[in-house]
Amino acid sequence: MKIVSYAAQQLVTTDDVADALVVLAAAIANEGGSQAVRIPIVIDGTLDSAELVVGLGNDVLVAPQASAGDEPDFSEHAQKLREHPSYPLTSHAEEEEETPFEGWNLDLDLDAGTRTDRG
C-alpha cells in the first residue's frame, strides 16, 4: 500500500494505482495541462474513491504505507489510469529497467586528460 499526499490530505491506495498515478500526473504536467482523475482509496478499511486534479501546479507525493491486511485488488483501476490518453506508452523507469546501461561507452580513466610530464 502507498500513501498519496495531495492538497494536505493523505489517501491510501495500492502500489499499482499510486505508481500509475505518478506517471500520469507527470505526463499531464509535461504537456502543460491538468486533468481530473479518479482513484480508488481505502479509508479505515473501507473501499472508496477520490477525485484529484493532477498535472501542472498540482503536486502529488507518493510514499510507502505499512499495512497489516491484504491489499485490495485495484488492478483494473490502475489499468484505466495507464489507458489515459496522456499516459506515456512507456515510462522512463520501464525503459531503464530493461537495459539500464545499453549503448554506454564509458572511459573510466579519469586521469588520462590531466596528466602532464614534469621533467
PDB file of N, CA and C in Angstrom:
ATOM      1  N   MET A   1       0.843  -1.175   0.000  1.00  0.00           N
ATOM      2  CA  MET A   1       0.000   0.000   0.000  1.00  0.00           C
ATOM      3  C   MET A   1       0.892   1.244   0.000  1.00  0.00           C
ATOM      4  N   LYS A   2       0.339   2.321  -0.541  1.00  0.00           N
ATOM      5  CA  LYS A   2       1.065   3.589  -0.569  1.00  0.00           C
ATOM      6  C   LYS A   2       0.135   4.732  -0.162  1.00  0.00           C
ATOM      7  N   ILE A   3       0.767   5.769   0.368  1.00  0.00           N
ATOM      8  CA  ILE A   3       0.049   6.992   0.707  1.00  0.00           C
ATOM      9  C   ILE A   3       0.245   7.977  -0.435  1.00  0.00           C
ATOM     10  N   VAL A   4      -0.837   8.570  -0.876  1.00  0.00           N
ATOM     11  CA  VAL A   4      -0.787   9.637  -1.862  1.00  0.00           C
ATOM     12  C   VAL A   4      -1.101  10.927  -1.111  1.00  0.00           C
ATOM     13  N   SER A   5      -0.117  11.813  -1.018  1.00  0.00           N
ATOM     14  CA  SER A   5      -0.334  13.110  -0.372  1.00  0.00           C
ATOM     15  C   SER A   5      -0.738  14.102  -1.439  1.00  0.00           C
ATOM     16  N   TYR A   6      -1.880  14.718  -1.209  1.00  0.00           N
ATOM     17  CA  TYR A   6      -2.436  15.618  -2.202  1.00  0.00           C
ATOM     18  C   TYR A   6      -3.279  16.672  -1.478  1.00  0.00           C
ATOM     19  N   ALA A   7      -2.982  17.931  -1.717  1.00  0.00           N
ATOM     20  CA  ALA A   7      -3.759  19.041  -1.145  1.00  0.00           C
ATOM     21  C   ALA A   7      -3.942  18.884   0.367  1.00  0.00           C
ATOM     22  N   ALA A   8      -2.843  18.617   1.054  1.00  0.00           N
ATOM     23  CA  ALA A   8      -2.820  18.479   2.518  1.00  0.00           C
ATOM     24  C   ALA A   8      -3.645  17.287   3.029  1.00  0.00           C
ATOM     25  N   GLN A   9      -3.975  16.367   2.161  1.00  0.00           N
ATOM     26  CA  GLN A   9      -4.690  15.149   2.541  1.00  0.00           C
ATOM     27  C   GLN A   9      -3.801  13.955   2.249  1.00  0.00           C
ATOM     28  N   GLN A  10      -3.994  12.890   2.995  1.00  0.00           N
ATOM     29  CA  GLN A  10      -3.258  11.656   2.733  1.00  0.00           C
ATOM     30  C   GLN A  10      -4.255  10.552   2.413  1.00  0.00           C
ATOM     31  N   LEU A  11      -4.125  10.022   1.213  1.00  0.00           N
ATOM     32  CA  LEU A  11      -5.021   8.985   0.716  1.00  0.00           C
ATOM     33  C   LEU A  11      -4.244   7.681   0.610  1.00  0.00           C
ATOM     34  N   VAL A  12      -4.859   6.572   0.986  1.00  0.00           N
ATOM     35  CA  VAL A  12      -4.207   5.266   0.919  1.00  0.00           C
ATOM     36  C   VAL A  12      -4.773   4.494  -0.259  1.00  0.00           C
ATOM     37  N   THR A  13      -3.873   3.990  -1.098  1.00  0.00           N
ATOM     38  CA  THR A  13      -4.260   3.187  -2.254  1.00  0.00           C
ATOM     39  C   THR A  13      -3.202   2.110  -2.474  1.00  0.00           C
ATOM     40  N   THR A  14      -3.381   1.323  -3.497  1.00  0.00           N
ATOM     41  CA  THR A  14      -2.433   0.241  -3.775  1.00  0.00           C
ATOM     42  C   THR A  14      -1.185   0.777  -4.468  1.00  0.00           C
ATOM     43  N   ASP A  15      -0.122  -0.007  -4.413  1.00  0.00           N
ATOM     44  CA  ASP A  15       1.128   0.358  -5.075  1.00  0.00           C
ATOM     45  C   ASP A  15       0.898   0.584  -6.567  1.00  0.00           C
ATOM     46  N   ASP A  16       0.142  -0.309  -7.172  1.00  0.00           N
ATOM     47  CA  ASP A  16      -0.112  -0.265  -8.608  1.00  0.00           C
ATOM     48  C   ASP A  16      -0.785   1.047  -9.008  1.00  0.00           C
ATOM     49  N   VAL A  17      -1.816   1.445  -8.274  1.00  0.00           N
ATOM     50  CA  VAL A  17      -2.541   2.680  -8.573  1.00  0.00           C
ATOM     51  C   VAL A  17      -1.646   3.888  -8.338  1.00  0.00           C
ATOM     52  N   ALA A  18      -0.947   3.907  -7.208  1.00  0.00           N
ATOM     53  CA  ALA A  18      -0.080   5.045  -6.878  1.00  0.00           C
ATOM     54  C   ALA A  18       1.015   5.227  -7.921  1.00  0.00           C
ATOM     55  N   ASP A  19       1.630   4.133  -8.351  1.00  0.00           N
ATOM     56  CA  ASP A  19       2.694   4.215  -9.351  1.00  0.00           C
ATOM     57  C   ASP A  19       2.159   4.726 -10.689  1.00  0.00           C
ATOM     58  N   ALA A  20       0.996   4.238 -11.098  1.00  0.00           N
ATOM     59  CA  ALA A  20       0.391   4.691 -12.352  1.00  0.00           C
ATOM     60  C   ALA A  20      -0.016   6.157 -12.251  1.00  0.00           C
ATOM     61  N   LEU A  21      -0.505   6.575 -11.085  1.00  0.00           N
ATOM     62  CA  LEU A  21      -0.908   7.961 -10.873  1.00  0.00           C
ATOM     63  C   LEU A  21       0.271   8.913 -11.018  1.00  0.00           C
ATOM     64  N   VAL A  22       1.408   8.569 -10.442  1.00  0.00           N
ATOM     65  CA  VAL A  22       2.592   9.428 -10.526  1.00  0.00           C
ATOM     66  C   VAL A  22       3.029   9.599 -11.983  1.00  0.00           C
ATOM     67  N   VAL A  23       3.080   8.523 -12.727  1.00  0.00           N
ATOM     68  CA  VAL A  23       3.492   8.597 -14.136  1.00  0.00           C
ATOM     69  C   VAL A  23       2.504   9.447 -14.932  1.00  0.00           C
ATOM     70  N   LEU A  24       1.211   9.238 -14.699  1.00  0.00           N
ATOM     71  CA  LEU A  24       0.190  10.004 -15.413  1.00  0.00           C
ATOM     72  C   LEU A  24       0.251  11.482 -15.037  1.00  0.00           C
ATOM     73  N   ALA A  25       0.396  11.786 -13.758  1.00  0.00           N
ATOM     74  CA  ALA A  25       0.462  13.184 -13.309  1.00  0.00           C
ATOM     75  C   ALA A  25       1.650  13.894 -13.948  1.00  0.00           C
ATOM     76  N   ALA A  26       2.794  13.219 -13.999  1.00  0.00           N
ATOM     77  CA  ALA A  26       3.985  13.811 -14.614  1.00  0.00           C
ATOM     78  C   ALA A  26       3.770  14.034 -16.110  1.00  0.00           C
ATOM     79  N   ALA A  27       3.136  13.090 -16.775  1.00  0.00           N
ATOM     80  CA  ALA A  27       2.896  13.215 -18.214  1.00  0.00           C
ATOM     81  C   ALA A  27       1.955  14.383 -18.514  1.00  0.00           C
ATOM     82  N   ILE A  28       0.906  14.526 -17.719  1.00  0.00           N
ATOM     83  CA  ILE A  28      -0.043  15.632 -17.923  1.00  0.00           C
ATOM     84  C   ILE A  28       0.642  16.967 -17.655  1.00  0.00           C
ATOM     85  N   ALA A  29       1.457  17.023 -16.601  1.00  0.00           N
ATOM     86  CA  ALA A  29       2.193  18.255 -16.289  1.00  0.00           C
ATOM     87  C   ALA A  29       3.174  18.584 -17.407  1.00  0.00           C
ATOM     88  N   ASN A  30       3.817  17.566 -17.957  1.00  0.00           N
ATOM     89  CA  ASN A  30       4.763  17.768 -19.052  1.00  0.00           C
ATOM     90  C   ASN A  30       4.079  18.357 -20.287  1.00  0.00           C
ATOM     91  N   GLU A  31       2.808  18.043 -20.457  1.00  0.00           N
ATOM     92  CA  GLU A  31       2.032  18.601 -21.572  1.00  0.00           C
ATOM     93  C   GLU A  31       1.573  20.023 -21.276  1.00  0.00           C
ATOM     94  N   GLY A  32       1.794  20.478 -20.016  1.00  0.00           N
ATOM     95  CA  GLY A  32       1.402  21.833 -19.638  1.00  0.00           C
ATOM     96  C   GLY A  32      -0.042  21.962 -19.204  1.00  0.00           C
ATOM     97  N   GLY A  33      -0.679  20.851 -18.882  1.00  0.00           N
ATOM     98  CA  GLY A  33      -2.084  20.899 -18.513  1.00  0.00           C
ATOM     99  C   GLY A  33      -2.367  20.286 -17.158  1.00  0.00           C
ATOM    100  N   SER A  34      -3.631  20.166 -16.860  1.00  0.00           N
ATOM    101  CA  SER A  34      -4.079  19.463 -15.663  1.00  0.00           C
ATOM    102  C   SER A  34      -5.428  18.821 -15.983  1.00  0.00           C
ATOM    103  N   GLN A  35      -5.693  17.703 -15.316  1.00  0.00           N
ATOM    104  CA  GLN A  35      -6.930  16.970 -15.560  1.00  0.00           C
ATOM    105  C   GLN A  35      -7.391  16.305 -14.275  1.00  0.00           C
ATOM    106  N   ALA A  36      -8.686  16.072 -14.189  1.00  0.00           N
ATOM    107  CA  ALA A  36      -9.252  15.363 -13.039  1.00  0.00           C
ATOM    108  C   ALA A  36      -9.195  13.863 -13.304  1.00  0.00           C
ATOM    109  N   VAL A  37      -8.745  13.118 -12.299  1.00  0.00           N
ATOM    110  CA  VAL A  37      -8.747  11.658 -12.382  1.00  0.00           C
ATOM    111  C   VAL A  37      -9.336  11.106 -11.092  1.00  0.00           C
ATOM    112  N   ARG A  38      -9.906   9.940 -11.186  1.00  0.00           N
ATOM    113  CA  ARG A  38     -10.485   9.261 -10.027  1.00  0.00           C
ATOM    114  C   ARG A  38      -9.613   8.059  -9.686  1.00  0.00           C
ATOM    115  N   ILE A  39      -9.293   7.907  -8.403  1.00  0.00           N
ATOM    116  CA  ILE A  39      -8.517   6.745  -7.966  1.00  0.00           C
ATOM    117  C   ILE A  39      -9.255   6.047  -6.824  1.00  0.00           C
ATOM    118  N   PRO A  40      -9.091   4.732  -6.733  1.00  0.00           N
ATOM    119  CA  PRO A  40      -9.678   4.006  -5.609  1.00  0.00           C
ATOM    120  C   PRO A  40      -8.797   4.196  -4.372  1.00  0.00           C
ATOM    121  N   ILE A  41      -9.417   4.323  -3.208  1.00  0.00           N
ATOM    122  CA  ILE A  41      -8.688   4.511  -1.959  1.00  0.00           C
ATOM    123  C   ILE A  41      -9.290   3.615  -0.876  1.00  0.00           C
ATOM    124  N   VAL A  42      -8.567   3.510   0.224  1.00  0.00           N
ATOM    125  CA  VAL A  42      -9.042   2.770   1.388  1.00  0.00           C
ATOM    126  C   VAL A  42      -9.099   3.747   2.557  1.00  0.00           C
ATOM    127  N   ILE A  43     -10.271   3.833   3.193  1.00  0.00           N
ATOM    128  CA  ILE A  43     -10.453   4.690   4.370  1.00  0.00           C
ATOM    129  C   ILE A  43     -10.921   3.808   5.518  1.00  0.00           C
ATOM    130  N   ASP A  44     -10.093   3.666   6.526  1.00  0.00           N
ATOM    131  CA  ASP A  44     -10.424   2.838   7.697  1.00  0.00           C
ATOM    132  C   ASP A  44     -10.930   1.453   7.304  1.00  0.00           C
ATOM    133  N   GLY A  45     -10.262   0.843   6.322  1.00  0.00           N
ATOM    134  CA  GLY A  45     -10.615  -0.499   5.891  1.00  0.00           C
ATOM    135  C   GLY A  45     -11.759  -0.570   4.904  1.00  0.00           C
ATOM    136  N   THR A  46     -12.358   0.559   4.573  1.00  0.00           N
ATOM    137  CA  THR A  46     -13.476   0.603   3.636  1.00  0.00           C
ATOM    138  C   THR A  46     -12.996   1.114   2.284  1.00  0.00           C
ATOM    139  N   LEU A  47     -13.451   0.471   1.215  1.00  0.00           N
ATOM    140  CA  LEU A  47     -13.073   0.888  -0.137  1.00  0.00           C
ATOM    141  C   LEU A  47     -13.904   2.093  -0.551  1.00  0.00           C
ATOM    142  N   ASP A  48     -13.249   3.068  -1.135  1.00  0.00           N
ATOM    143  CA  ASP A  48     -13.904   4.297  -1.570  1.00  0.00           C
ATOM    144  C   ASP A  48     -13.150   4.818  -2.782  1.00  0.00           C
ATOM    145  N   SER A  49     -13.424   6.044  -3.199  1.00  0.00           N
ATOM    146  CA  SER A  49     -12.678   6.644  -4.304  1.00  0.00           C
ATOM    147  C   SER A  49     -12.505   8.128  -4.036  1.00  0.00           C
ATOM    148  N   ALA A  50     -11.540   8.705  -4.730  1.00  0.00           N
ATOM    149  CA  ALA A  50     -11.269  10.133  -4.608  1.00  0.00           C
ATOM    150  C   ALA A  50     -10.973  10.695  -5.982  1.00  0.00           C
ATOM    151  N   GLU A  51     -11.352  11.945  -6.182  1.00  0.00           N
ATOM    152  CA  GLU A  51     -11.039  12.638  -7.422  1.00  0.00           C
ATOM    153  C   GLU A  51      -9.935  13.635  -7.143  1.00  0.00           C
ATOM    154  N   LEU A  52      -8.932  13.610  -7.994  1.00  0.00           N
ATOM    155  CA  LEU A  52      -7.795  14.510  -7.857  1.00  0.00           C
ATOM    156  C   LEU A  52      -7.595  15.247  -9.171  1.00  0.00           C
ATOM    157  N   VAL A  53      -7.179  16.491  -9.072  1.00  0.00           N
ATOM    158  CA  VAL A  53      -6.764  17.225 -10.250  1.00  0.00           C
ATOM    159  C   VAL A  53      -5.250  17.097 -10.300  1.00  0.00           C
ATOM    160  N   VAL A  54      -4.735  16.473 -11.347  1.00  0.00           N
ATOM    161  CA  VAL A  54      -3.300  16.232 -11.456  1.00  0.00           C
ATOM    162  C   VAL A  54      -2.745  16.966 -12.666  1.00  0.00           C
ATOM    163  N   GLY A  55      -1.467  17.254 -12.596  1.00  0.00           N
ATOM    164  CA  GLY A  55      -0.801  17.911 -13.700  1.00  0.00           C
ATOM    165  C   GLY A  55      -0.063  19.142 -13.226  1.00  0.00           C
ATOM    166  N   LEU A  56       0.058  20.109 -14.102  1.00  0.00           N
ATOM    167  CA  LEU A  56       0.816  21.324 -13.843  1.00  0.00           C
ATOM    168  C   LEU A  56       0.239  22.079 -12.644  1.00  0.00           C
ATOM    169  N   GLY A  57       1.094  22.336 -11.651  1.00  0.00           N
ATOM    170  CA  GLY A  57       0.680  23.083 -10.469  1.00  0.00           C
ATOM    171  C   GLY A  57      -0.021  22.273  -9.404  1.00  0.00           C
ATOM    172  N   ASN A  58      -0.145  20.983  -9.598  1.00  0.00           N
ATOM    173  CA  ASN A  58      -0.814  20.115  -8.624  1.00  0.00           C
ATOM    174  C   ASN A  58       0.155  19.018  -8.200  1.00  0.00           C
ATOM    175  N   ASP A  59       0.786  19.229  -7.059  1.00  0.00           N
ATOM    176  CA  ASP A  59       1.799  18.289  -6.589  1.00  0.00           C
ATOM    177  C   ASP A  59       1.174  17.036  -6.006  1.00  0.00           C
ATOM    178  N   VAL A  60       1.738  15.900  -6.375  1.00  0.00           N
ATOM    179  CA  VAL A  60       1.336  14.600  -5.848  1.00  0.00           C
ATOM    180  C   VAL A  60       2.584  13.940  -5.298  1.00  0.00           C
ATOM    181  N   LEU A  61       2.541  13.538  -4.045  1.00  0.00           N
ATOM    182  CA  LEU A  61       3.658  12.844  -3.409  1.00  0.00           C
ATOM    183  C   LEU A  61       3.190  11.448  -3.041  1.00  0.00           C
ATOM    184  N   VAL A  62       3.977  10.448  -3.387  1.00  0.00           N
ATOM    185  CA  VAL A  62       3.634   9.057  -3.077  1.00  0.00           C
ATOM    186  C   VAL A  62       4.721   8.477  -2.189  1.00  0.00           C
ATOM    187  N   ALA A  63       4.287   7.805  -1.112  1.00  0.00           N
ATOM    188  CA  ALA A  63       5.227   7.204  -0.163  1.00  0.00           C
ATOM    189  C   ALA A  63       4.686   5.856   0.294  1.00  0.00           C
ATOM    190  N   PRO A  64       5.577   4.971   0.750  1.00  0.00           N
ATOM    191  CA  PRO A  64       5.134   3.665   1.240  1.00  0.00           C
ATOM    192  C   PRO A  64       4.247   3.798   2.475  1.00  0.00           C
ATOM    193  N   GLN A  65       3.347   2.856   2.644  1.00  0.00           N
ATOM    194  CA  GLN A  65       2.443   2.818   3.790  1.00  0.00           C
ATOM    195  C   GLN A  65       2.411   1.389   4.311  1.00  0.00           C
ATOM    196  N   ALA A  66       2.748   1.206   5.553  1.00  0.00           N
ATOM    197  CA  ALA A  66       2.678  -0.131   6.153  1.00  0.00           C
ATOM    198  C   ALA A  66       1.215  -0.545   6.268  1.00  0.00           C
ATOM    199  N   SER A  67       0.951  -1.798   5.956  1.00  0.00           N
ATOM    200  CA  SER A  67      -0.423  -2.292   6.090  1.00  0.00           C
ATOM    201  C   SER A  67      -0.395  -3.699   6.655  1.00  0.00           C
ATOM    202  N   ALA A  68      -1.349  -3.978   7.521  1.00  0.00           N
ATOM    203  CA  ALA A  68      -1.413  -5.280   8.184  1.00  0.00           C
ATOM    204  C   ALA A  68      -2.257  -6.280   7.400  1.00  0.00           C
ATOM    205  N   GLY A  69      -3.229  -5.788   6.675  1.00  0.00           N
ATOM    206  CA  GLY A  69      -4.145  -6.683   5.974  1.00  0.00           C
ATOM    207  C   GLY A  69      -3.757  -6.915   4.534  1.00  0.00           C
ATOM    208  N   ASP A  70      -4.630  -7.625   3.834  1.00  0.00           N
ATOM    209  CA  ASP A  70      -4.417  -7.878   2.414  1.00  0.00           C
ATOM    210  C   ASP A  70      -4.676  -6.600   1.620  1.00  0.00           C
ATOM    211  N   GLU A  71      -3.912  -6.439   0.566  1.00  0.00           N
ATOM    212  CA  GLU A  71      -4.079  -5.290  -0.310  1.00  0.00           C
ATOM    213  C   GLU A  71      -5.278  -5.560  -1.223  1.00  0.00           C
ATOM    214  N   PRO A  72      -6.191  -4.576  -1.357  1.00  0.00           N
ATOM    215  CA  PRO A  72      -7.329  -4.796  -2.258  1.00  0.00           C
ATOM    216  C   PRO A  72      -6.860  -4.882  -3.706  1.00  0.00           C
ATOM    217  N   ASP A  73      -7.678  -5.470  -4.546  1.00  0.00           N
ATOM    218  CA  ASP A  73      -7.329  -5.596  -5.956  1.00  0.00           C
ATOM    219  C   ASP A  73      -7.864  -4.384  -6.714  1.00  0.00           C
ATOM    220  N   PHE A  74      -6.991  -3.406  -6.913  1.00  0.00           N
ATOM    221  CA  PHE A  74      -7.335  -2.210  -7.676  1.00  0.00           C
ATOM    222  C   PHE A  74      -6.668  -2.246  -9.048  1.00  0.00           C
ATOM    223  N   SER A  75      -6.265  -3.428  -9.501  1.00  0.00           N
ATOM    224  CA  SER A  75      -5.517  -3.538 -10.759  1.00  0.00           C
ATOM    225  C   SER A  75      -6.315  -3.010 -11.954  1.00  0.00           C
ATOM    226  N   GLU A  76      -7.616  -3.191 -11.937  1.00  0.00           N
ATOM    227  CA  GLU A  76      -8.442  -2.690 -13.036  1.00  0.00           C
ATOM    228  C   GLU A  76      -8.404  -1.160 -13.072  1.00  0.00           C
ATOM    229  N   HIS A  77      -8.415  -0.528 -11.904  1.00  0.00           N
ATOM    230  CA  HIS A  77      -8.357   0.930 -11.833  1.00  0.00           C
ATOM    231  C   HIS A  77      -6.976   1.433 -12.285  1.00  0.00           C
ATOM    232  N   ALA A  78      -5.924   0.728 -11.895  1.00  0.00           N
ATOM    233  CA  ALA A  78      -4.573   1.109 -12.314  1.00  0.00           C
ATOM    234  C   ALA A  78      -4.458   1.012 -13.836  1.00  0.00           C
ATOM    235  N   GLN A  79      -5.054  -0.011 -14.406  1.00  0.00           N
ATOM    236  CA  GLN A  79      -5.020  -0.173 -15.853  1.00  0.00           C
ATOM    237  C   GLN A  79      -5.753   0.976 -16.551  1.00  0.00           C
ATOM    238  N   LYS A  80      -6.863   1.430 -15.972  1.00  0.00           N
ATOM    239  CA  LYS A  80      -7.587   2.567 -16.557  1.00  0.00           C
ATOM    240  C   LYS A  80      -6.719   3.826 -16.567  1.00  0.00           C
ATOM    241  N   LEU A  81      -5.927   4.020 -15.500  1.00  0.00           N
ATOM    242  CA  LEU A  81      -5.010   5.158 -15.477  1.00  0.00           C
ATOM    243  C   LEU A  81      -3.983   5.021 -16.598  1.00  0.00           C
ATOM    244  N   ARG A  82      -3.486   3.798 -16.807  1.00  0.00           N
ATOM    245  CA  ARG A  82      -2.491   3.555 -17.856  1.00  0.00           C
ATOM    246  C   ARG A  82      -3.080   3.700 -19.262  1.00  0.00           C
ATOM    247  N   GLU A  83      -4.394   3.590 -19.389  1.00  0.00           N
ATOM    248  CA  GLU A  83      -5.053   3.737 -20.683  1.00  0.00           C
ATOM    249  C   GLU A  83      -5.442   5.187 -20.974  1.00  0.00           C
ATOM    250  N   HIS A  84      -5.182   6.086 -20.025  1.00  0.00           N
ATOM    251  CA  HIS A  84      -5.491   7.502 -20.212  1.00  0.00           C
ATOM    252  C   HIS A  84      -4.707   8.000 -21.429  1.00  0.00           C
ATOM    253  N   PRO A  85      -5.300   8.845 -22.256  1.00  0.00           N
ATOM    254  CA  PRO A  85      -4.614   9.322 -23.464  1.00  0.00           C
ATOM    255  C   PRO A  85      -3.277  10.016 -23.192  1.00  0.00           C
ATOM    256  N   SER A  86      -3.097  10.607 -22.032  1.00  0.00           N
ATOM    257  CA  SER A  86      -1.844  11.303 -21.718  1.00  0.00           C
ATOM    258  C   SER A  86      -0.781  10.390 -21.141  1.00  0.00           C
ATOM    259  N   TYR A  87      -1.159   9.164 -20.778  1.00  0.00           N
ATOM    260  CA  TYR A  87      -0.196   8.240 -20.176  1.00  0.00           C
ATOM    261  C   TYR A  87       0.843   7.843 -21.227  1.00  0.00           C
ATOM    262  N   PRO A  88       2.144   7.957 -20.886  1.00  0.00           N
ATOM    263  CA  PRO A  88       3.164   7.607 -21.890  1.00  0.00           C
ATOM    264  C   PRO A  88       3.102   6.127 -22.270  1.00  0.00           C
ATOM    265  N   LEU A  89       3.456   5.855 -23.524  1.00  0.00           N
ATOM    266  CA  LEU A  89       3.442   4.461 -23.981  1.00  0.00           C
ATOM    267  C   LEU A  89       4.406   3.613 -23.169  1.00  0.00           C
ATOM    268  N   THR A  90       5.574   4.155 -22.857  1.00  0.00           N
ATOM    269  CA  THR A  90       6.497   3.508 -21.931  1.00  0.00           C
ATOM    270  C   THR A  90       7.023   4.595 -21.017  1.00  0.00           C
ATOM    271  N   SER A  91       7.150   4.274 -19.760  1.00  0.00           N
ATOM    272  CA  SER A  91       7.683   5.263 -18.830  1.00  0.00           C
ATOM    273  C   SER A  91       9.196   5.189 -18.820  1.00  0.00           C
ATOM    274  N   HIS A  92       9.842   6.242 -18.388  1.00  0.00           N
ATOM    275  CA  HIS A  92      11.301   6.299 -18.303  1.00  0.00           C
ATOM    276  C   HIS A  92      11.825   5.181 -17.407  1.00  0.00           C
ATOM    277  N   ALA A  93      11.132   4.915 -16.309  1.00  0.00           N
ATOM    278  CA  ALA A  93      11.569   3.864 -15.380  1.00  0.00           C
ATOM    279  C   ALA A  93      11.540   2.496 -16.042  1.00  0.00           C
ATOM    280  N   GLU A  94      10.505   2.229 -16.852  1.00  0.00           N
ATOM    281  CA  GLU A  94      10.412   0.937 -17.529  1.00  0.00           C
ATOM    282  C   GLU A  94      11.557   0.772 -18.519  1.00  0.00           C
ATOM    283  N   GLU A  95      11.911   1.842 -19.227  1.00  0.00           N
ATOM    284  CA  GLU A  95      12.996   1.772 -20.197  1.00  0.00           C
ATOM    285  C   GLU A  95      14.311   1.472 -19.506  1.00  0.00           C
ATOM    286  N   GLU A  96      14.559   2.096 -18.364  1.00  0.00           N
ATOM    287  CA  GLU A  96      15.810   1.884 -17.650  1.00  0.00           C
ATOM    288  C   GLU A  96      15.907   0.478 -17.082  1.00  0.00           C
ATOM    289  N   GLU A  97      14.784  -0.085 -16.628  1.00  0.00           N
ATOM    290  CA  GLU A  97      14.799  -1.436 -16.068  1.00  0.00           C
ATOM    291  C   GLU A  97      15.245  -2.456 -17.102  1.00  0.00           C
ATOM    292  N   GLU A  98      14.781  -2.293 -18.333  1.00  0.00           N
ATOM    293  CA  GLU A  98      15.076  -3.277 -19.360  1.00  0.00           C
ATOM    294  C   GLU A  98      16.562  -3.293 -19.712  1.00  0.00           C
ATOM    295  N   THR A  99      17.141  -2.141 -19.993  1.00  0.00           N
ATOM    296  CA  THR A  99      18.545  -2.051 -20.379  1.00  0.00           C
ATOM    297  C   THR A  99      19.133  -0.761 -19.800  1.00  0.00           C
ATOM    298  N   PRO A 100      19.475  -0.766 -18.533  1.00  0.00           N
ATOM    299  CA  PRO A 100      19.894   0.480 -17.896  1.00  0.00           C
ATOM    300  C   PRO A 100      21.165   1.100 -18.459  1.00  0.00           C
ATOM    301  N   PHE A 101      22.119   0.319 -18.998  1.00  0.00           N
ATOM    302  CA  PHE A 101      23.375   0.879 -19.470  1.00  0.00           C
ATOM    303  C   PHE A 101      23.680   0.490 -20.913  1.00  0.00           C
ATOM    304  N   GLU A 102      22.661   0.075 -21.659  1.00  0.00           N
ATOM    305  CA  GLU A 102      22.873  -0.353 -23.030  1.00  0.00           C
ATOM    306  C   GLU A 102      23.382   0.813 -23.874  1.00  0.00           C
ATOM    307  N   GLY A 103      24.430   0.563 -24.629  1.00  0.00           N
ATOM    308  CA  GLY A 103      24.971   1.565 -25.518  1.00  0.00           C
ATOM    309  C   GLY A 103      25.935   2.538 -24.865  1.00  0.00           C
ATOM    310  N   TRP A 104      26.171   2.399 -23.589  1.00  0.00           N
ATOM    311  CA  TRP A 104      27.107   3.293 -22.900  1.00  0.00           C
ATOM    312  C   TRP A 104      28.527   2.835 -23.193  1.00  0.00           C
ATOM    313  N   ASN A 105      29.382   3.774 -23.514  1.00  0.00           N
ATOM    314  CA  ASN A 105      30.787   3.500 -23.719  1.00  0.00           C
ATOM    315  C   ASN A 105      31.551   4.386 -22.754  1.00  0.00           C
ATOM    316  N   LEU A 106      31.815   3.860 -21.566  1.00  0.00           N
ATOM    317  CA  LEU A 106      32.429   4.656 -20.515  1.00  0.00           C
ATOM    318  C   LEU A 106      33.944   4.526 -20.538  1.00  0.00           C
ATOM    319  N   ASP A 107      34.618   5.662 -20.472  1.00  0.00           N
ATOM    320  CA  ASP A 107      36.065   5.701 -20.331  1.00  0.00           C
ATOM    321  C   ASP A 107      36.342   6.064 -18.887  1.00  0.00           C
ATOM    322  N   LEU A 108      36.693   5.084 -18.090  1.00  0.00           N
ATOM    323  CA  LEU A 108      36.865   5.303 -16.667  1.00  0.00           C
ATOM    324  C   LEU A 108      38.260   5.755 -16.277  1.00  0.00           C
ATOM    325  N   ASP A 109      39.134   6.013 -17.250  1.00  0.00           N
ATOM    326  CA  ASP A 109      40.465   6.513 -16.959  1.00  0.00           C
ATOM    327  C   ASP A 109      40.355   8.027 -16.787  1.00  0.00           C
ATOM    328  N   LEU A 110      39.977   8.450 -15.590  1.00  0.00           N
ATOM    329  CA  LEU A 110      39.692   9.860 -15.331  1.00  0.00           C
ATOM    330  C   LEU A 110      40.937  10.741 -15.345  1.00  0.00           C
ATOM    331  N   ASP A 111      42.109  10.153 -15.103  1.00  0.00           N
ATOM    332  CA  ASP A 111      43.329  10.940 -15.059  1.00  0.00           C
ATOM    333  C   ASP A 111      43.965  11.129 -16.436  1.00  0.00           C
ATOM    334  N   ALA A 112      43.489  10.466 -17.445  1.00  0.00           N
ATOM    335  CA  ALA A 112      44.137  10.479 -18.760  1.00  0.00           C
ATOM    336  C   ALA A 112      44.236  11.882 -19.343  1.00  0.00           C
ATOM    337  N   GLY A 113      43.268  12.715 -19.155  1.00  0.00           N
ATOM    338  CA  GLY A 113      43.276  14.041 -19.735  1.00  0.00           C
ATOM    339  C   GLY A 113      43.995  15.087 -18.891  1.00  0.00           C
ATOM    340  N   THR A 114      44.430  14.730 -17.688  1.00  0.00           N
ATOM    341  CA  THR A 114      45.042  15.733 -16.821  1.00  0.00           C
ATOM    342  C   THR A 114      46.519  15.482 -16.541  1.00  0.00           C
ATOM    343  N   ARG A 115      47.083  14.454 -17.102  1.00  0.00           N
ATOM    344  CA  ARG A 115      48.490  14.141 -16.849  1.00  0.00           C
ATOM    345  C   ARG A 115      49.402  15.110 -17.585  1.00  0.00           C
ATOM    346  N   THR A 116      50.442  15.525 -16.923  1.00  0.00           N
ATOM    347  CA  THR A 116      51.470  16.353 -17.565  1.00  0.00           C
ATOM    348  C   THR A 116      52.834  15.767 -17.231  1.00  0.00           C
ATOM    349  N   ASP A 117      53.739  15.898 -18.145  1.00  0.00           N
ATOM    350  CA  ASP A 117      55.103  15.409 -17.904  1.00  0.00           C
ATOM    351  C   ASP A 117      55.886  16.477 -17.180  1.00  0.00           C
ATOM    352  N   ARG A 118      56.428  16.125 -16.060  1.00  0.00           N
ATOM    353  CA  ARG A 118      57.260  17.067 -15.307  1.00  0.00           C
ATOM    354  C   ARG A 118      58.687  16.513 -15.313  1.00  0.00           C
ATOM    355  N   GLY A 119      59.529  17.127 -15.989  1.00  0.00           N
ATOM    356  CA  GLY A 119      60.829  16.550 -16.133  1.00  0.00           C
ATOM    357  C   GLY A 119      61.947  17.309 -15.667  1.00  0.00           C
TER     358      GLY A 119
END
